Amino acid sequence: MKSFMILCFLLVCCLYLAIAAPAPAENSNSVQFIKYNSEKDLEEIQRQIIAQYDHLGGTSQFHQVQSASIVDPYNIKISL
């Protein structure tokens, strides 16, 4: 009887978690791969993407491109 009650309790908990889980948003993020044949096609695709972002509104921040140097741990005598 105890094992039956434990199984029922676990089943109820699982059902509660399944019902309480939120549905995925309609505007969830996605990744799209775009193929292009020439540099001209690429520039046109970039203009279209920028126009779509501009249509959304809001603010944009552009940051200066930065780079990091690669450090070889063997050259600086770090034991890993």
PDB file of N, CA and C in Angstrom:
ATOM      1  N   MET A   1       0.826  -1.194   0.000  1.00  0.00           N
ATOM      2  CA  MET A   1       0.000   0.000   0.000  1.00  0.00           C
ATOM      3  C   MET A   1       0.868   1.254   0.000  1.00  0.00           C
ATOM      4  N   LYS A   2       1.986   1.192   0.771  1.00  0.00           N
ATOM      5  CA  LYS A   2       2.868   2.353   0.812  1.00  0.00           C
ATOM      6  C   LYS A   2       3.475   2.628  -0.559  1.00  0.00           C
ATOM      7  N   SER A   3       3.904   1.570  -1.241  1.00  0.00           N
ATOM      8  CA  SER A   3       4.519   1.764  -2.557  1.00  0.00           C
ATOM      9  C   SER A   3       3.496   2.311  -3.553  1.00  0.00           C
ATOM     10  N   PHE A   4       2.247   1.884  -3.452  1.00  0.00           N
ATOM     11  CA  PHE A   4       1.192   2.416  -4.319  1.00  0.00           C
ATOM     12  C   PHE A   4       0.980   3.902  -4.051  1.00  0.00           C
ATOM     13  N   MET A   5       0.983   4.303  -2.798  1.00  0.00           N
ATOM     14  CA  MET A   5       0.796   5.716  -2.455  1.00  0.00           C
ATOM     15  C   MET A   5       1.987   6.554  -2.931  1.00  0.00           C
ATOM     16  N   ILE A   6       3.185   6.004  -2.820  1.00  0.00           N
ATOM     17  CA  ILE A   6       4.372   6.721  -3.291  1.00  0.00           C
ATOM     18  C   ILE A   6       4.309   6.899  -4.802  1.00  0.00           C
ATOM     19  N   LEU A   7       3.915   5.846  -5.518  1.00  0.00           N
ATOM     20  CA  LEU A   7       3.775   5.951  -6.971  1.00  0.00           C
ATOM     21  C   LEU A   7       2.711   6.972  -7.359  1.00  0.00           C
ATOM     22  N   CYS A   8       1.601   6.973  -6.643  1.00  0.00           N
ATOM     23  CA  CYS A   8       0.547   7.957  -6.917  1.00  0.00           C
ATOM     24  C   CYS A   8       1.048   9.371  -6.646  1.00  0.00           C
ATOM     25  N   PHE A   9       1.784   9.541  -5.565  1.00  0.00           N
ATOM     26  CA  PHE A   9       2.331  10.855  -5.235  1.00  0.00           C
ATOM     27  C   PHE A   9       3.295  11.324  -6.320  1.00  0.00           C
ATOM     28  N   LEU A  10       4.175  10.436  -6.778  1.00  0.00           N
ATOM     29  CA  LEU A  10       5.116  10.791  -7.839  1.00  0.00           C
ATOM     30  C   LEU A  10       4.388  11.128  -9.137  1.00  0.00           C
ATOM     31  N   LEU A  11       3.342  10.397  -9.441  1.00  0.00           N
ATOM     32  CA  LEU A  11       2.551  10.671 -10.638  1.00  0.00           C
ATOM     33  C   LEU A  11       1.894  12.039 -10.554  1.00  0.00           C
ATOM     34  N   VAL A  12       1.338  12.364  -9.408  1.00  0.00           N
ATOM     35  CA  VAL A  12       0.707  13.673  -9.219  1.00  0.00           C
ATOM     36  C   VAL A  12       1.750  14.782  -9.328  1.00  0.00           C
ATOM     37  N   CYS A  13       2.925  14.572  -8.760  1.00  0.00           N
ATOM     38  CA  CYS A  13       3.997  15.578  -8.859  1.00  0.00           C
ATOM     39  C   CYS A  13       4.415  15.791 -10.306  1.00  0.00           C
ATOM     40  N   CYS A  14       4.567  14.709 -11.049  1.00  0.00           N
ATOM     41  CA  CYS A  14       4.952  14.827 -12.462  1.00  0.00           C
ATOM     42  C   CYS A  14       3.882  15.549 -13.265  1.00  0.00           C
ATOM     43  N   LEU A  15       2.633  15.240 -13.013  1.00  0.00           N
ATOM     44  CA  LEU A  15       1.543  15.925 -13.718  1.00  0.00           C
ATOM     45  C   LEU A  15       1.513  17.405 -13.369  1.00  0.00           C
ATOM     46  N   TYR A  16       1.747  17.724 -12.112  1.00  0.00           N
ATOM     47  CA  TYR A  16       1.765  19.125 -11.690  1.00  0.00           C
ATOM     48  C   TYR A  16       2.882  19.881 -12.391  1.00  0.00           C
ATOM     49  N   LEU A  17       4.063  19.279 -12.460  1.00  0.00           N
ATOM     50  CA  LEU A  17       5.187  19.931 -13.129  1.00  0.00           C
ATOM     51  C   LEU A  17       4.932  20.090 -14.623  1.00  0.00           C
ATOM     52  N   ALA A  18       4.283  19.105 -15.238  1.00  0.00           N
ATOM     53  CA  ALA A  18       4.004  19.192 -16.671  1.00  0.00           C
ATOM     54  C   ALA A  18       2.991  20.290 -16.963  1.00  0.00           C
ATOM     55  N   ILE A  19       2.017  20.462 -16.101  1.00  0.00           N
ATOM     56  CA  ILE A  19       0.993  21.492 -16.306  1.00  0.00           C
ATOM     57  C   ILE A  19       1.555  22.867 -15.978  1.00  0.00           C
ATOM     58  N   ALA A  20       2.392  22.956 -14.951  1.00  0.00           N
ATOM     59  CA  ALA A  20       2.908  24.248 -14.506  1.00  0.00           C
ATOM     60  C   ALA A  20       3.995  24.795 -15.425  1.00  0.00           C
ATOM     61  N   ALA A  21       4.601  23.964 -16.265  1.00  0.00           N
ATOM     62  CA  ALA A  21       5.670  24.427 -17.152  1.00  0.00           C
ATOM     63  C   ALA A  21       5.091  25.391 -18.181  1.00  0.00           C
ATOM     64  N   PRO A  22       5.727  26.550 -18.355  1.00  0.00           N
ATOM     65  CA  PRO A  22       5.208  27.519 -19.318  1.00  0.00           C
ATOM     66  C   PRO A  22       5.429  27.055 -20.751  1.00  0.00           C
ATOM     67  N   ALA A  23       4.523  27.459 -21.611  1.00  0.00           N
ATOM     68  CA  ALA A  23       4.645  27.147 -23.031  1.00  0.00           C
ATOM     69  C   ALA A  23       5.726  28.032 -23.639  1.00  0.00           C
ATOM     70  N   PRO A  24       6.425  27.552 -24.646  1.00  0.00           N
ATOM     71  CA  PRO A  24       7.452  28.384 -25.268  1.00  0.00           C
ATOM     72  C   PRO A  24       6.839  29.608 -25.934  1.00  0.00           C
ATOM     73  N   ALA A  25       7.563  30.702 -25.884  1.00  0.00           N
ATOM     74  CA  ALA A  25       7.072  31.954 -26.459  1.00  0.00           C
ATOM     75  C   ALA A  25       7.041  31.854 -27.982  1.00  0.00           C
ATOM     76  N   GLU A  26       6.111  32.580 -28.581  1.00  0.00           N
ATOM     77  CA  GLU A  26       5.997  32.560 -30.035  1.00  0.00           C
ATOM     78  C   GLU A  26       7.182  33.251 -30.690  1.00  0.00           C
ATOM     79  N   ASN A  27       7.773  34.212 -30.013  1.00  0.00           N
ATOM     80  CA  ASN A  27       8.881  34.957 -30.596  1.00  0.00           C
ATOM     81  C   ASN A  27      10.216  34.467 -30.042  1.00  0.00           C
ATOM     82  N   SER A  28      10.352  33.166 -29.889  1.00  0.00           N
ATOM     83  CA  SER A  28      11.591  32.621 -29.351  1.00  0.00           C
ATOM     84  C   SER A  28      12.720  32.793 -30.365  1.00  0.00           C
ATOM     85  N   ASN A  29      13.932  32.775 -29.864  1.00  0.00           N
ATOM     86  CA  ASN A  29      15.095  32.959 -30.719  1.00  0.00           C
ATOM     87  C   ASN A  29      15.265  31.771 -31.649  1.00  0.00           C
ATOM     88  N   SER A  30      15.788  32.029 -32.815  1.00  0.00           N
ATOM     89  CA  SER A  30      16.071  30.961 -33.752  1.00  0.00           C
ATOM     90  C   SER A  30      17.321  31.320 -34.542  1.00  0.00           C
ATOM     91  N   VAL A  31      17.917  30.318 -35.124  1.00  0.00           N
ATOM     92  CA  VAL A  31      19.112  30.516 -35.937  1.00  0.00           C
ATOM     93  C   VAL A  31      18.763  30.172 -37.371  1.00  0.00           C
ATOM     94  N   GLN A  32      19.149  31.052 -38.281  1.00  0.00           N
ATOM     95  CA  GLN A  32      18.909  30.804 -39.696  1.00  0.00           C
ATOM     96  C   GLN A  32      20.228  30.917 -40.439  1.00  0.00           C
ATOM     97  N   PHE A  33      20.475  30.006 -41.344  1.00  0.00           N
ATOM     98  CA  PHE A  33      21.665  30.049 -42.176  1.00  0.00           C
ATOM     99  C   PHE A  33      21.267  30.590 -43.535  1.00  0.00           C
ATOM    100  N   ILE A  34      22.000  31.582 -44.002  1.00  0.00           N
ATOM    101  CA  ILE A  34      21.673  32.239 -45.260  1.00  0.00           C
ATOM    102  C   ILE A  34      22.795  31.960 -46.250  1.00  0.00           C
ATOM    103  N   LYS A  35      22.421  31.466 -47.430  1.00  0.00           N
ATOM    104  CA  LYS A  35      23.407  31.197 -48.470  1.00  0.00           C
ATOM    105  C   LYS A  35      23.428  32.368 -49.442  1.00  0.00           C
ATOM    106  N   TYR A  36      24.611  32.688 -49.921  1.00  0.00           N
ATOM    107  CA  TYR A  36      24.740  33.746 -50.914  1.00  0.00           C
ATOM    108  C   TYR A  36      25.791  33.318 -51.932  1.00  0.00           C
ATOM    109  N   ASN A  37      25.674  33.886 -53.136  1.00  0.00           N
ATOM    110  CA  ASN A  37      26.566  33.479 -54.220  1.00  0.00           C
ATOM    111  C   ASN A  37      27.680  34.477 -54.498  1.00  0.00           C
ATOM    112  N   SER A  38      27.460  35.733 -54.174  1.00  0.00           N
ATOM    113  CA  SER A  38      28.470  36.743 -54.478  1.00  0.00           C
ATOM    114  C   SER A  38      28.499  37.788 -53.371  1.00  0.00           C
ATOM    115  N   GLU A  39      29.505  38.639 -53.416  1.00  0.00           N
ATOM    116  CA  GLU A  39      29.614  39.721 -52.439  1.00  0.00           C
ATOM    117  C   GLU A  39      28.438  40.684 -52.568  1.00  0.00           C
ATOM    118  N   LYS A  40      27.938  40.860 -53.778  1.00  0.00           N
ATOM    119  CA  LYS A  40      26.783  41.737 -53.998  1.00  0.00           C
ATOM    120  C   LYS A  40      25.552  41.175 -53.287  1.00  0.00           C
ATOM    121  N   ASP A  41      25.351  39.855 -53.405  1.00  0.00           N
ATOM    122  CA  ASP A  41      24.233  39.216 -52.698  1.00  0.00           C
ATOM    123  C   ASP A  41      24.381  39.383 -51.189  1.00  0.00           C
ATOM    124  N   LEU A  42      25.601  39.217 -50.687  1.00  0.00           N
ATOM    125  CA  LEU A  42      25.854  39.356 -49.258  1.00  0.00           C
ATOM    126  C   LEU A  42      25.517  40.765 -48.778  1.00  0.00           C
ATOM    127  N   GLU A  43      25.932  41.774 -49.517  1.00  0.00           N
ATOM    128  CA  GLU A  43      25.642  43.154 -49.130  1.00  0.00           C
ATOM    129  C   GLU A  43      24.142  43.421 -49.118  1.00  0.00           C
ATOM    130  N   GLU A  44      23.416  42.878 -50.081  1.00  0.00           N
ATOM    131  CA  GLU A  44      21.957  43.066 -50.126  1.00  0.00           C
ATOM    132  C   GLU A  44      21.293  42.369 -48.936  1.00  0.00           C
ATOM    133  N   ILE A  45      21.745  41.175 -48.607  1.00  0.00           N
ATOM    134  CA  ILE A  45      21.190  40.456 -47.455  1.00  0.00           C
ATOM    135  C   ILE A  45      21.458  41.238 -46.172  1.00  0.00           C
ATOM    136  N   GLN A  46      22.664  41.781 -46.029  1.00  0.00           N
ATOM    137  CA  GLN A  46      22.991  42.569 -44.842  1.00  0.00           C
ATOM    138  C   GLN A  46      22.099  43.802 -44.744  1.00  0.00           C
ATOM    139  N   ARG A  47      21.842  44.462 -45.858  1.00  0.00           N
ATOM    140  CA  ARG A  47      20.953  45.636 -45.848  1.00  0.00           C
ATOM    141  C   ARG A  47      19.539  45.243 -45.417  1.00  0.00           C
ATOM    142  N   GLN A  48      19.062  44.094 -45.901  1.00  0.00           N
ATOM    143  CA  GLN A  48      17.720  43.639 -45.524  1.00  0.00           C
ATOM    144  C   GLN A  48      17.642  43.325 -44.031  1.00  0.00           C
ATOM    145  N   ILE A  49      18.665  42.683 -43.501  1.00  0.00           N
ATOM    146  CA  ILE A  49      18.670  42.349 -42.073  1.00  0.00           C
ATOM    147  C   ILE A  49      18.703  43.616 -41.232  1.00  0.00           C
ATOM    148  N   ILE A  50      19.533  44.577 -41.599  1.00  0.00           N
ATOM    149  CA  ILE A  50      19.613  45.837 -40.863  1.00  0.00           C
ATOM    150  C   ILE A  50      18.286  46.572 -40.927  1.00  0.00           C
ATOM    151  N   ALA A  51      17.618  46.539 -42.086  1.00  0.00           N
ATOM    152  CA  ALA A  51      16.311  47.194 -42.220  1.00  0.00           C
ATOM    153  C   ALA A  51      15.282  46.530 -41.308  1.00  0.00           C
ATOM    154  N   GLN A  52      15.335  45.204 -41.177  1.00  0.00           N
ATOM    155  CA  GLN A  52      14.405  44.507 -40.287  1.00  0.00           C
ATOM    156  C   GLN A  52      14.644  44.908 -38.837  1.00  0.00           C
ATOM    157  N   TYR A  53      15.895  45.016 -38.425  1.00  0.00           N
ATOM    158  CA  TYR A  53      16.193  45.450 -37.059  1.00  0.00           C
ATOM    159  C   TYR A  53      15.767  46.895 -36.837  1.00  0.00           C
ATOM    160  N   ASP A  54      15.986  47.757 -37.827  1.00  0.00           N
ATOM    161  CA  ASP A  54      15.571  49.155 -37.700  1.00  0.00           C
ATOM    162  C   ASP A  54      14.061  49.264 -37.568  1.00  0.00           C
ATOM    163  N   HIS A  55      13.334  48.374 -38.225  1.00  0.00           N
ATOM    164  CA  HIS A  55      11.870  48.375 -38.165  1.00  0.00           C
ATOM    165  C   HIS A  55      11.376  48.031 -36.757  1.00  0.00           C
ATOM    166  N   LEU A  56      12.151  47.243 -36.003  1.00  0.00           N
ATOM    167  CA  LEU A  56      11.747  46.860 -34.648  1.00  0.00           C
ATOM    168  C   LEU A  56      11.776  48.040 -33.683  1.00  0.00           C
ATOM    169  N   GLY A  57      12.612  49.014 -33.941  1.00  0.00           N
ATOM    170  CA  GLY A  57      12.719  50.160 -33.044  1.00  0.00           C
ATOM    171  C   GLY A  57      13.606  49.848 -31.856  1.00  0.00           C
ATOM    172  N   GLY A  58      13.615  50.756 -30.897  1.00  0.00           N
ATOM    173  CA  GLY A  58      14.461  50.573 -29.723  1.00  0.00           C
ATOM    174  C   GLY A  58      15.810  51.220 -29.925  1.00  0.00           C
ATOM    175  N   THR A  59      16.705  50.969 -28.989  1.00  0.00           N
ATOM    176  CA  THR A  59      18.033  51.567 -29.068  1.00  0.00           C
ATOM    177  C   THR A  59      19.063  50.510 -29.430  1.00  0.00           C
ATOM    178  N   SER A  60      20.121  50.953 -30.042  1.00  0.00           N
ATOM    179  CA  SER A  60      21.221  50.067 -30.412  1.00  0.00           C
ATOM    180  C   SER A  60      22.512  50.625 -29.851  1.00  0.00           C
ATOM    181  N   GLN A  61      23.396  49.738 -29.483  1.00  0.00           N
ATOM    182  CA  GLN A  61      24.715  50.141 -29.021  1.00  0.00           C
ATOM    183  C   GLN A  61      25.745  49.414 -29.864  1.00  0.00           C
ATOM    184  N   PHE A  62      26.684  50.162 -30.390  1.00  0.00           N
ATOM    185  CA  PHE A  62      27.752  49.583 -31.182  1.00  0.00           C
ATOM    186  C   PHE A  62      29.053  49.763 -30.413  1.00  0.00           C
ATOM    187  N   HIS A  63      29.795  48.703 -30.289  1.00  0.00           N
ATOM    188  CA  HIS A  63      31.028  48.731 -29.520  1.00  0.00           C
ATOM    189  C   HIS A  63      32.217  48.582 -30.456  1.00  0.00           C
ATOM    190  N   GLN A  64      33.322  49.141 -30.025  1.00  0.00           N
ATOM    191  CA  GLN A  64      34.548  49.029 -30.800  1.00  0.00           C
ATOM    192  C   GLN A  64      35.018  47.574 -30.784  1.00  0.00           C
ATOM    193  N   VAL A  65      35.486  47.107 -31.927  1.00  0.00           N
ATOM    194  CA  VAL A  65      35.979  45.742 -32.021  1.00  0.00           C
ATOM    195  C   VAL A  65      37.247  45.623 -31.189  1.00  0.00           C
ATOM    196  N   GLN A  66      37.303  44.583 -30.372  1.00  0.00           N
ATOM    197  CA  GLN A  66      38.467  44.357 -29.524  1.00  0.00           C
ATOM    198  C   GLN A  66      39.034  42.982 -29.836  1.00  0.00           C
ATOM    199  N   SER A  67      40.295  42.808 -29.532  1.00  0.00           N
ATOM    200  CA  SER A  67      40.917  41.505 -29.747  1.00  0.00           C
ATOM    201  C   SER A  67      41.707  41.124 -28.497  1.00  0.00           C
ATOM    202  N   ALA A  68      41.888  39.842 -28.338  1.00  0.00           N
ATOM    203  CA  ALA A  68      42.641  39.323 -27.197  1.00  0.00           C
ATOM    204  C   ALA A  68      43.810  38.504 -27.723  1.00  0.00           C
ATOM    205  N   SER A  69      44.926  38.602 -27.052  1.00  0.00           N
ATOM    206  CA  SER A  69      46.090  37.821 -27.469  1.00  0.00           C
ATOM    207  C   SER A  69      46.010  36.426 -26.866  1.00  0.00           C
ATOM    208  N   ILE A  70      46.603  35.490 -27.542  1.00  0.00           N
ATOM    209  CA  ILE A  70      46.602  34.105 -27.087  1.00  0.00           C
ATOM    210  C   ILE A  70      47.833  33.877 -26.223  1.00  0.00           C
ATOM    211  N   VAL A  71      47.629  33.261 -25.072  1.00  0.00           N
ATOM    212  CA  VAL A  71      48.732  32.984 -24.155  1.00  0.00           C
ATOM    213  C   VAL A  71      48.947  31.479 -24.116  1.00  0.00           C
ATOM    214  N   ASP A  72      50.175  31.067 -24.367  1.00  0.00           N
ATOM    215  CA  ASP A  72      50.532  29.659 -24.295  1.00  0.00           C
ATOM    216  C   ASP A  72      50.978  29.357 -22.864  1.00  0.00           C
ATOM    217  N   PRO A  73      50.252  28.521 -22.115  1.00  0.00           N
ATOM    218  CA  PRO A  73      50.600  28.275 -20.710  1.00  0.00           C
ATOM    219  C   PRO A  73      51.979  27.633 -20.546  1.00  0.00           C
ATOM    220  N   TYR A  74      52.481  26.945 -21.576  1.00  0.00           N
ATOM    221  CA  TYR A  74      53.802  26.322 -21.472  1.00  0.00           C
ATOM    222  C   TYR A  74      54.911  27.373 -21.509  1.00  0.00           C
ATOM    223  N   ASN A  75      54.675  28.503 -22.173  1.00  0.00           N
ATOM    224  CA  ASN A  75      55.690  29.548 -22.240  1.00  0.00           C
ATOM    225  C   ASN A  75      55.797  30.337 -20.945  1.00  0.00           C
ATOM    226  N   ILE A  76      54.738  30.387 -20.156  1.00  0.00           N
ATOM    227  CA  ILE A  76      54.791  31.156 -18.910  1.00  0.00           C
ATOM    228  C   ILE A  76      54.906  30.241 -17.691  1.00  0.00           C
ATOM    229  N   LYS A  77      55.227  28.989 -17.934  1.00  0.00           N
ATOM    230  CA  LYS A  77      55.533  28.015 -16.873  1.00  0.00           C
ATOM    231  C   LYS A  77      54.396  27.840 -15.865  1.00  0.00           C
ATOM    232  N   ILE A  78      53.190  27.603 -16.381  1.00  0.00           N
ATOM    233  CA  ILE A  78      52.049  27.295 -15.517  1.00  0.00           C
ATOM    234  C   ILE A  78      51.797  25.800 -15.619  1.00  0.00           C
ATOM    235  N   SER A  79      51.727  25.130 -14.496  1.00  0.00           N
ATOM    236  CA  SER A  79      51.455  23.694 -14.525  1.00  0.00           C
ATOM    237  C   SER A  79      49.954  23.475 -14.465  1.00  0.00           C
ATOM    238  N   LEU A  80      49.466  22.770 -15.439  1.00  0.00           N
ATOM    239  CA  LEU A  80      48.026  22.499 -15.506  1.00  0.00           C
ATOM    240  C   LEU A  80      47.730  21.085 -15.108  1.00  0.00           C
TER     241      LEU A  80
END
